[in-house]
Amino acid sequence: MEIKVLQLPAEKMKSKIQDESKLGFGKYFTDRMLVIEWKTDIGWHDARIEPYAPFLLDPASLVFHYAQEIFEGLKAYRWEDGRIALFRPEMNAKRFNLSAGRLCMPEIPEGLFLEGIEKLVVLEKDWIPSAPGTSLYIRPAMIAVEPVLGVKSSDHFRFFVILSPVAAYYSKGFNPVSILVEDRYVRAVQGGTGEAKTGGNYACSLKAGLEAKNRGYDQVLWLDGREQRYIEEVGAMNMFFVYGKKIVTPSLAGSILSGITRDSVLKLAKNLGYETEESKIDISDLISDIKSGRLTEAFGSGTAAVISPVGKLCYMDECFSLGNEDAGEITRRLYDTLTGIQTGKVKDEFGWIKFPED
């Protein structure tokens, strides 16, 4: 399918942020966006890169009423030699389609997904920041836009991609976060939409997250929805626990997101000589391991932070310090190596980096 590039009028061009330390996350957007339509009787059509602008949607659009919506998140990096690099974008294409299947939405051809993103990133490459730790955040999404009230799968979907230059996640250093284990609310259950990247999963986590922040915690660690016994994930991160030279993470059981950074950490850890394990982790056993000193480090993984060290974990009104509330040796090594691959400072032995201009 041809992706048309529509003219960008000079008056629609935005001023770029000169001080890259003030970019924040998801606050500023580039000049263009990718849009592709899908209709039941036509399929995918009308692929275009057009000036960034609001959508005009009917108030009855299904996305507003029945939440038929999915999204992804990945990054583009500007290397010191000037090249633009994408990190494992094909994995985002595959996961996007898995989410689409769960939400009864059409799968987008992976080739079209990747071609569209690459073409858009190349057109907007001047927006990619170059300061250490900065990147261009890429947000693909799909929404149901058919204007009808009724619980059904839409006959019209809109796929789009927007770009946002973002500052370094750790502007004040690689500092550990504090985590509250949530023992009242649940985020997802097996058989639900927990393993899909859809907005409803995040909306239902807001209340617990807000209550945790009001109590002084940075993140919420979710337990399983049936017994509230087994560890699942933290908000926007998968969790890892370090026992000496062994790294353990909750197994994928249909209720947590199959993180691309999670998969990268597991592969990288093995390559660095660590033992890895995916298993059910009982919160009571974890607390016992913290008390006994068997658990030496903990960290989360996700696109935004890449790796986030955990310095404090609180459960049932009892708090426990991890690694003297500092980032552990293995956590730091994984972070330095993974971000090094993403930014071209460490050799990519896995074939994870794609260059859209090649």
Protein backbone atom coordinates (compact mmCIF):
# COMPACT_ATOMS: atom_id res chain seq x y z
CA MET A 1 0.00 0.00 0.00
CA GLU A 2 1.31 3.42 -0.92
CA ILE A 3 1.71 5.78 2.02
CA LYS A 4 1.03 9.28 0.75
CA VAL A 5 2.88 12.21 2.28
CA LEU A 6 0.66 15.28 2.43
CA GLN A 7 2.12 18.76 2.29
CA LEU A 8 3.06 20.40 5.57
CA PRO A 9 2.21 24.11 5.35
CA ALA A 10 4.84 26.41 6.85
CA GLU A 11 2.31 27.89 9.26
CA LYS A 12 1.69 24.45 10.77
CA MET A 13 5.36 23.82 11.60
CA LYS A 14 6.09 24.00 15.32
CA SER A 15 9.02 25.47 17.18
CA LYS A 16 11.26 22.77 18.58
CA ILE A 17 12.21 22.78 22.26
CA GLN A 18 15.78 24.05 22.50
CA ASP A 19 16.46 22.98 26.10
CA GLU A 20 16.17 19.19 25.85
CA SER A 21 16.26 18.81 29.63
CA LYS A 22 12.79 20.39 29.74
CA LEU A 23 11.11 18.00 27.30
CA GLY A 24 9.50 15.89 30.00
CA PHE A 25 7.55 12.85 28.78
CA GLY A 26 4.72 13.00 26.23
CA LYS A 27 4.24 16.77 26.46
CA TYR A 28 5.34 17.88 23.00
CA PHE A 29 4.50 16.38 19.59
CA THR A 30 6.12 16.58 16.17
CA ASP A 31 4.76 18.19 13.00
CA ARG A 32 3.36 15.09 11.33
CA MET A 33 1.40 11.92 12.12
CA LEU A 34 0.65 8.68 10.29
CA VAL A 35 -3.01 7.76 9.73
CA ILE A 36 -4.49 4.63 8.06
CA GLU A 37 -8.17 3.71 7.84
CA TRP A 38 -9.86 0.29 7.96
CA LYS A 39 -13.45 -0.50 7.00
CA THR A 40 -15.23 -3.85 6.89
CA ASP A 41 -16.01 -3.68 3.17
CA ILE A 42 -12.65 -2.22 2.09
CA GLY A 43 -9.96 -3.33 4.52
CA TRP A 44 -6.90 -1.16 5.08
CA HIS A 45 -6.82 1.96 2.90
CA ASP A 46 -6.02 5.68 2.71
CA ALA A 47 -2.58 5.51 4.31
CA ARG A 48 -1.14 8.99 4.69
CA ILE A 49 1.34 11.06 6.63
CA GLU A 50 -0.34 14.37 7.33
CA PRO A 51 0.16 17.45 9.52
CA TYR A 52 -0.39 16.74 13.23
CA ALA A 53 -3.89 17.94 14.10
CA PRO A 54 -6.93 17.00 16.20
CA PHE A 55 -9.30 14.34 14.89
CA LEU A 56 -12.90 15.24 14.16
CA LEU A 57 -14.92 12.34 15.61
CA ASP A 58 -18.64 11.79 15.97
CA PRO A 59 -19.77 11.83 19.64
CA ALA A 60 -21.28 8.39 19.03
CA SER A 61 -17.94 6.87 17.98
CA LEU A 62 -17.64 3.46 19.58
CA VAL A 63 -14.28 4.21 21.18
CA PHE A 64 -15.95 6.72 23.51
CA HIS A 65 -18.62 4.34 24.75
CA TYR A 66 -17.23 0.80 24.63
CA ALA A 67 -13.47 1.40 24.82
CA GLN A 68 -12.41 -0.46 21.69
CA GLU A 69 -8.86 0.89 21.64
CA ILE A 70 -5.27 -0.39 21.71
CA PHE A 71 -1.83 1.19 21.60
CA GLU A 72 1.91 0.55 21.66
CA GLY A 73 5.05 2.38 22.74
CA LEU A 74 8.59 2.29 21.36
CA LYS A 75 11.52 4.66 20.87
CA ALA A 76 13.88 6.02 18.23
CA TYR A 77 17.39 7.09 19.25
CA ARG A 78 19.89 9.47 17.67
CA TRP A 79 23.32 7.85 17.75
CA GLU A 80 26.53 9.83 18.08
CA ASP A 81 27.38 9.08 14.43
CA GLY A 82 24.10 10.71 13.37
CA ARG A 83 22.22 7.51 12.53
CA ILE A 84 18.64 6.99 13.69
CA ALA A 85 17.98 3.67 15.46
CA LEU A 86 14.78 1.84 16.37
CA PHE A 87 14.77 -0.83 19.09
CA ARG A 88 12.98 -4.10 18.19
CA PRO A 89 10.03 -2.44 16.36
CA GLU A 90 8.93 -5.76 14.88
CA MET A 91 8.10 -6.94 18.41
CA ASN A 92 5.75 -3.98 18.84
CA ALA A 93 4.06 -4.87 15.55
CA LYS A 94 3.47 -8.45 16.73
CA ARG A 95 2.17 -7.38 20.16
CA PHE A 96 -0.06 -4.73 18.59
CA ASN A 97 -1.78 -7.43 16.56
CA LEU A 98 -2.14 -9.71 19.59
CA SER A 99 -3.91 -6.84 21.35
CA ALA A 100 -6.06 -6.28 18.26
CA GLY A 101 -7.16 -9.91 18.26
CA ARG A 102 -8.21 -9.73 21.91
CA LEU A 103 -10.24 -6.54 21.33
CA CYS A 104 -11.90 -7.84 18.11
CA MET A 105 -10.05 -5.33 15.97
CA PRO A 106 -8.42 -5.91 12.57
CA GLU A 107 -4.76 -6.89 12.49
CA ILE A 108 -2.57 -4.48 10.57
CA PRO A 109 0.02 -6.07 8.26
CA GLU A 110 3.34 -5.99 10.10
CA GLY A 111 5.10 -4.67 7.01
CA LEU A 112 2.70 -1.73 6.79
CA PHE A 113 3.04 -1.04 10.53
CA LEU A 114 6.85 -0.94 10.26
CA GLU A 115 7.01 0.91 6.95
CA GLY A 116 4.68 3.61 8.20
CA ILE A 117 6.62 4.16 11.42
CA GLU A 118 9.98 4.19 9.64
CA LYS A 119 8.79 6.66 7.03
CA LEU A 120 7.30 8.95 9.66
CA VAL A 121 10.42 8.84 11.85
CA VAL A 122 12.67 9.67 8.90
CA LEU A 123 10.48 12.64 7.95
CA GLU A 124 10.53 13.89 11.55
CA LYS A 125 14.16 13.01 12.35
CA ASP A 126 15.04 16.63 13.15
CA TRP A 127 12.78 16.26 16.20
CA ILE A 128 14.88 13.45 17.67
CA PRO A 129 16.84 14.93 20.60
CA SER A 130 20.53 14.21 21.03
CA ALA A 131 21.26 14.90 24.72
CA PRO A 132 22.24 11.82 26.78
CA GLY A 133 19.20 9.75 27.76
CA THR A 134 16.79 11.51 25.41
CA SER A 135 14.83 9.83 22.62
CA LEU A 136 11.82 10.10 20.35
CA TYR A 137 8.83 8.26 21.82
CA ILE A 138 6.62 6.56 19.22
CA ARG A 139 2.95 5.94 19.99
CA PRO A 140 0.99 3.74 17.55
CA ALA A 141 -2.71 3.39 18.39
CA MET A 142 -5.99 2.18 16.91
CA ILE A 143 -9.50 3.36 17.80
CA ALA A 144 -13.04 2.41 16.83
CA VAL A 145 -14.64 5.37 15.03
CA GLU A 146 -17.95 3.99 13.73
CA PRO A 147 -20.74 6.28 15.05
CA VAL A 148 -23.26 3.89 16.53
CA LEU A 149 -24.51 3.07 20.02
CA GLY A 150 -24.49 -0.66 20.58
CA VAL A 151 -22.03 -3.17 22.00
CA LYS A 152 -20.36 -4.50 18.85
CA SER A 153 -17.08 -4.48 17.03
CA SER A 154 -16.74 -1.36 14.93
CA ASP A 155 -17.02 -1.39 11.14
CA HIS A 156 -14.52 1.47 10.95
CA PHE A 157 -11.15 1.74 12.71
CA ARG A 158 -8.44 4.36 12.57
CA PHE A 159 -4.79 3.45 13.07
CA PHE A 160 -2.45 6.33 13.79
CA VAL A 161 1.06 7.07 15.00
CA ILE A 162 2.22 10.20 16.80
CA LEU A 163 5.74 11.11 17.91
CA SER A 164 6.99 12.90 21.02
CA PRO A 165 10.57 13.94 21.85
CA VAL A 166 11.22 13.00 25.49
CA ALA A 167 13.82 13.93 28.08
CA ALA A 168 16.07 11.54 29.95
CA TYR A 169 13.99 9.43 32.34
CA TYR A 170 16.63 9.65 35.07
CA SER A 171 17.33 13.38 34.99
CA LYS A 172 18.41 13.28 38.64
CA GLY A 173 20.34 10.02 38.59
CA PHE A 174 19.57 6.30 38.55
CA ASN A 175 17.54 6.45 41.75
CA PRO A 176 15.45 3.55 43.16
CA VAL A 177 11.69 3.82 43.48
CA SER A 178 9.41 2.84 46.37
CA ILE A 179 6.63 0.35 45.66
CA LEU A 180 3.38 -0.38 47.48
CA VAL A 181 1.95 -3.88 47.08
CA GLU A 182 -1.78 -3.45 46.33
CA ASP A 183 -3.91 -5.84 48.38
CA ARG A 184 -7.44 -4.46 47.76
CA TYR A 185 -7.91 -3.47 44.14
CA VAL A 186 -7.10 -5.75 41.21
CA ARG A 187 -5.92 -4.77 37.74
CA ALA A 188 -6.72 -7.87 35.67
CA VAL A 189 -7.63 -11.55 35.84
CA GLN A 190 -6.77 -14.50 33.63
CA GLY A 191 -9.09 -14.53 30.66
CA GLY A 192 -9.50 -10.74 30.77
CA THR A 193 -7.60 -8.09 28.85
CA GLY A 194 -4.54 -7.89 31.09
CA GLU A 195 -2.15 -9.16 28.42
CA ALA A 196 -3.47 -6.67 25.83
CA LYS A 197 -2.15 -3.12 25.67
CA THR A 198 -5.48 -1.35 25.94
CA GLY A 199 -6.46 1.81 27.76
CA GLY A 200 -8.95 0.14 30.10
CA ASN A 201 -6.15 -1.69 31.88
CA TYR A 202 -4.54 1.62 32.74
CA ALA A 203 -7.76 3.43 33.62
CA CYS A 204 -8.64 0.83 36.26
CA SER A 205 -5.19 1.22 37.84
CA LEU A 206 -5.50 4.97 38.42
CA LYS A 207 -7.28 4.85 41.79
CA ALA A 208 -4.76 2.55 43.43
CA GLY A 209 -1.91 4.53 41.90
CA LEU A 210 -3.26 7.83 43.18
CA GLU A 211 -3.80 6.45 46.68
CA ALA A 212 -0.25 5.08 46.69
CA LYS A 213 1.22 8.44 45.63
CA ASN A 214 -0.78 10.19 48.34
CA ARG A 215 0.91 7.87 50.82
CA GLY A 216 4.36 8.66 49.45
CA TYR A 217 4.98 5.70 47.13
CA ASP A 218 6.10 5.88 43.50
CA GLN A 219 4.41 2.80 42.05
CA VAL A 220 1.87 0.05 42.75
CA LEU A 221 2.73 -3.65 42.54
CA TRP A 222 -0.31 -5.67 41.49
CA LEU A 223 -1.17 -9.13 42.76
CA ASP A 224 -3.23 -11.67 40.85
CA GLY A 225 -6.95 -10.96 40.59
CA ARG A 226 -8.19 -14.28 42.00
CA GLU A 227 -6.28 -14.89 45.22
CA GLN A 228 -4.33 -11.63 45.53
CA ARG A 229 -1.39 -13.82 46.34
CA TYR A 230 0.87 -13.99 43.31
CA ILE A 231 2.94 -11.07 42.01
CA GLU A 232 2.05 -9.75 38.58
CA GLU A 233 3.38 -6.36 37.42
CA VAL A 234 3.92 -2.73 38.38
CA GLY A 235 1.80 -0.17 36.52
CA ALA A 236 3.85 0.29 33.37
CA MET A 237 6.61 -2.19 34.23
CA ASN A 238 7.29 -5.91 34.50
CA MET A 239 9.02 -6.95 37.72
CA PHE A 240 12.31 -8.79 38.32
CA PHE A 241 13.81 -10.11 41.55
CA VAL A 242 17.49 -10.97 41.97
CA TYR A 243 18.76 -13.85 44.09
CA GLY A 244 22.53 -13.67 43.89
CA LYS A 245 23.22 -14.56 40.25
CA LYS A 246 19.66 -15.69 39.49
CA ILE A 247 17.02 -13.32 38.09
CA VAL A 248 13.37 -14.27 38.58
CA THR A 249 10.29 -12.71 36.97
CA PRO A 250 6.57 -13.62 37.11
CA SER A 251 5.58 -16.02 34.35
CA LEU A 252 3.16 -14.87 31.68
CA ALA A 253 -0.23 -16.33 32.46
CA GLY A 254 -2.60 -14.16 30.43
CA SER A 255 -3.15 -11.35 32.92
CA ILE A 256 0.06 -9.32 32.56
CA LEU A 257 1.67 -7.60 29.59
CA SER A 258 4.35 -9.45 27.67
CA GLY A 259 6.87 -6.63 27.86
CA ILE A 260 9.37 -6.20 25.04
CA THR A 261 11.90 -4.83 27.51
CA ARG A 262 11.08 -7.82 29.74
CA ASP A 263 11.95 -10.19 26.92
CA SER A 264 15.12 -8.20 26.19
CA VAL A 265 16.22 -8.37 29.84
CA LEU A 266 15.76 -12.15 29.95
CA LYS A 267 17.79 -12.66 26.77
CA LEU A 268 20.47 -10.18 27.79
CA ALA A 269 20.78 -11.62 31.31
CA LYS A 270 21.43 -15.12 29.94
CA ASN A 271 24.00 -13.69 27.54
CA LEU A 272 25.77 -12.01 30.48
CA GLY A 273 25.97 -15.30 32.36
CA TYR A 274 23.07 -14.99 34.79
CA GLU A 275 20.49 -17.68 35.45
CA THR A 276 16.91 -16.64 34.64
CA GLU A 277 13.60 -18.05 35.78
CA GLU A 278 9.96 -17.33 34.95
CA SER A 279 7.63 -18.61 37.66
CA LYS A 280 4.69 -17.86 39.96
CA ILE A 281 5.95 -15.74 42.84
CA ASP A 282 3.99 -15.84 46.09
CA ILE A 283 4.09 -12.47 47.86
CA SER A 284 4.51 -14.21 51.24
CA ASP A 285 7.55 -16.11 49.96
CA LEU A 286 8.98 -12.90 48.52
CA ILE A 287 8.64 -11.08 51.85
CA SER A 288 10.33 -14.01 53.61
CA ASP A 289 13.18 -13.87 51.09
CA ILE A 290 13.61 -10.14 51.72
CA LYS A 291 13.70 -10.68 55.49
CA SER A 292 16.22 -13.51 55.21
CA GLY A 293 18.48 -11.60 52.84
CA ARG A 294 18.10 -14.15 50.02
CA LEU A 295 16.60 -11.46 47.78
CA THR A 296 19.44 -9.09 46.90
CA GLU A 297 17.93 -6.72 44.28
CA ALA A 298 14.67 -5.87 42.56
CA PHE A 299 13.88 -3.83 39.46
CA GLY A 300 11.18 -3.12 36.91
CA SER A 301 11.45 -2.98 33.13
CA GLY A 302 9.52 -0.99 30.54
CA THR A 303 9.89 1.21 27.47
CA ALA A 304 9.90 4.54 29.31
CA ALA A 305 12.45 3.83 32.05
CA VAL A 306 14.09 0.77 30.40
CA ILE A 307 15.09 -0.50 33.87
CA SER A 308 13.98 1.02 37.18
CA PRO A 309 15.66 -0.09 40.44
CA VAL A 310 13.43 -0.73 43.46
CA GLY A 311 14.72 0.49 46.79
CA LYS A 312 11.71 -0.08 49.04
CA LEU A 313 8.77 -2.49 48.96
CA CYS A 314 5.81 -2.13 51.32
CA TYR A 315 3.14 -4.74 52.05
CA MET A 316 0.46 -4.90 54.73
CA ASP A 317 1.75 -1.72 56.43
CA GLU A 318 5.27 -3.13 56.68
CA CYS A 319 8.14 -1.72 54.58
CA PHE A 320 11.36 -3.40 53.56
CA SER A 321 14.55 -1.88 52.15
CA LEU A 322 16.22 -3.55 49.19
CA GLY A 323 19.94 -3.27 48.52
CA ASN A 324 20.39 -0.47 51.04
CA GLU A 325 17.84 1.46 48.96
CA ASP A 326 20.36 1.84 46.14
CA ALA A 327 20.52 0.35 42.64
CA GLY A 328 22.14 -3.08 42.77
CA GLU A 329 25.16 -4.20 40.78
CA ILE A 330 23.19 -6.49 38.45
CA THR A 331 20.44 -3.91 37.95
CA ARG A 332 23.03 -1.31 36.94
CA ARG A 333 24.83 -3.70 34.62
CA LEU A 334 21.63 -4.65 32.82
CA TYR A 335 20.59 -1.00 32.52
CA ASP A 336 23.98 0.13 31.22
CA THR A 337 24.20 -2.73 28.71
CA LEU A 338 20.64 -2.45 27.42
CA THR A 339 20.70 1.33 27.05
CA GLY A 340 24.15 0.98 25.53
CA ILE A 341 22.74 -1.28 22.81
CA GLN A 342 19.87 1.14 22.20
CA THR A 343 22.18 4.13 21.81
CA GLY A 344 25.03 2.46 19.92
CA LYS A 345 27.57 2.44 22.75
CA VAL A 346 27.44 -1.36 23.18
CA LYS A 347 27.59 -3.85 20.31
CA ASP A 348 24.20 -5.29 19.38
CA GLU A 349 24.75 -9.06 19.38
CA PHE A 350 21.03 -9.83 19.03
CA GLY A 351 20.03 -7.97 15.87
CA TRP A 352 17.65 -5.77 17.85
CA ILE A 353 18.54 -2.43 16.26
CA LYS A 354 16.88 -1.32 12.99
CA PHE A 355 17.99 1.67 10.96
CA PRO A 356 15.00 3.17 9.08
CA GLU A 357 17.19 5.15 6.71
CA ASP A 358 19.12 2.07 5.47
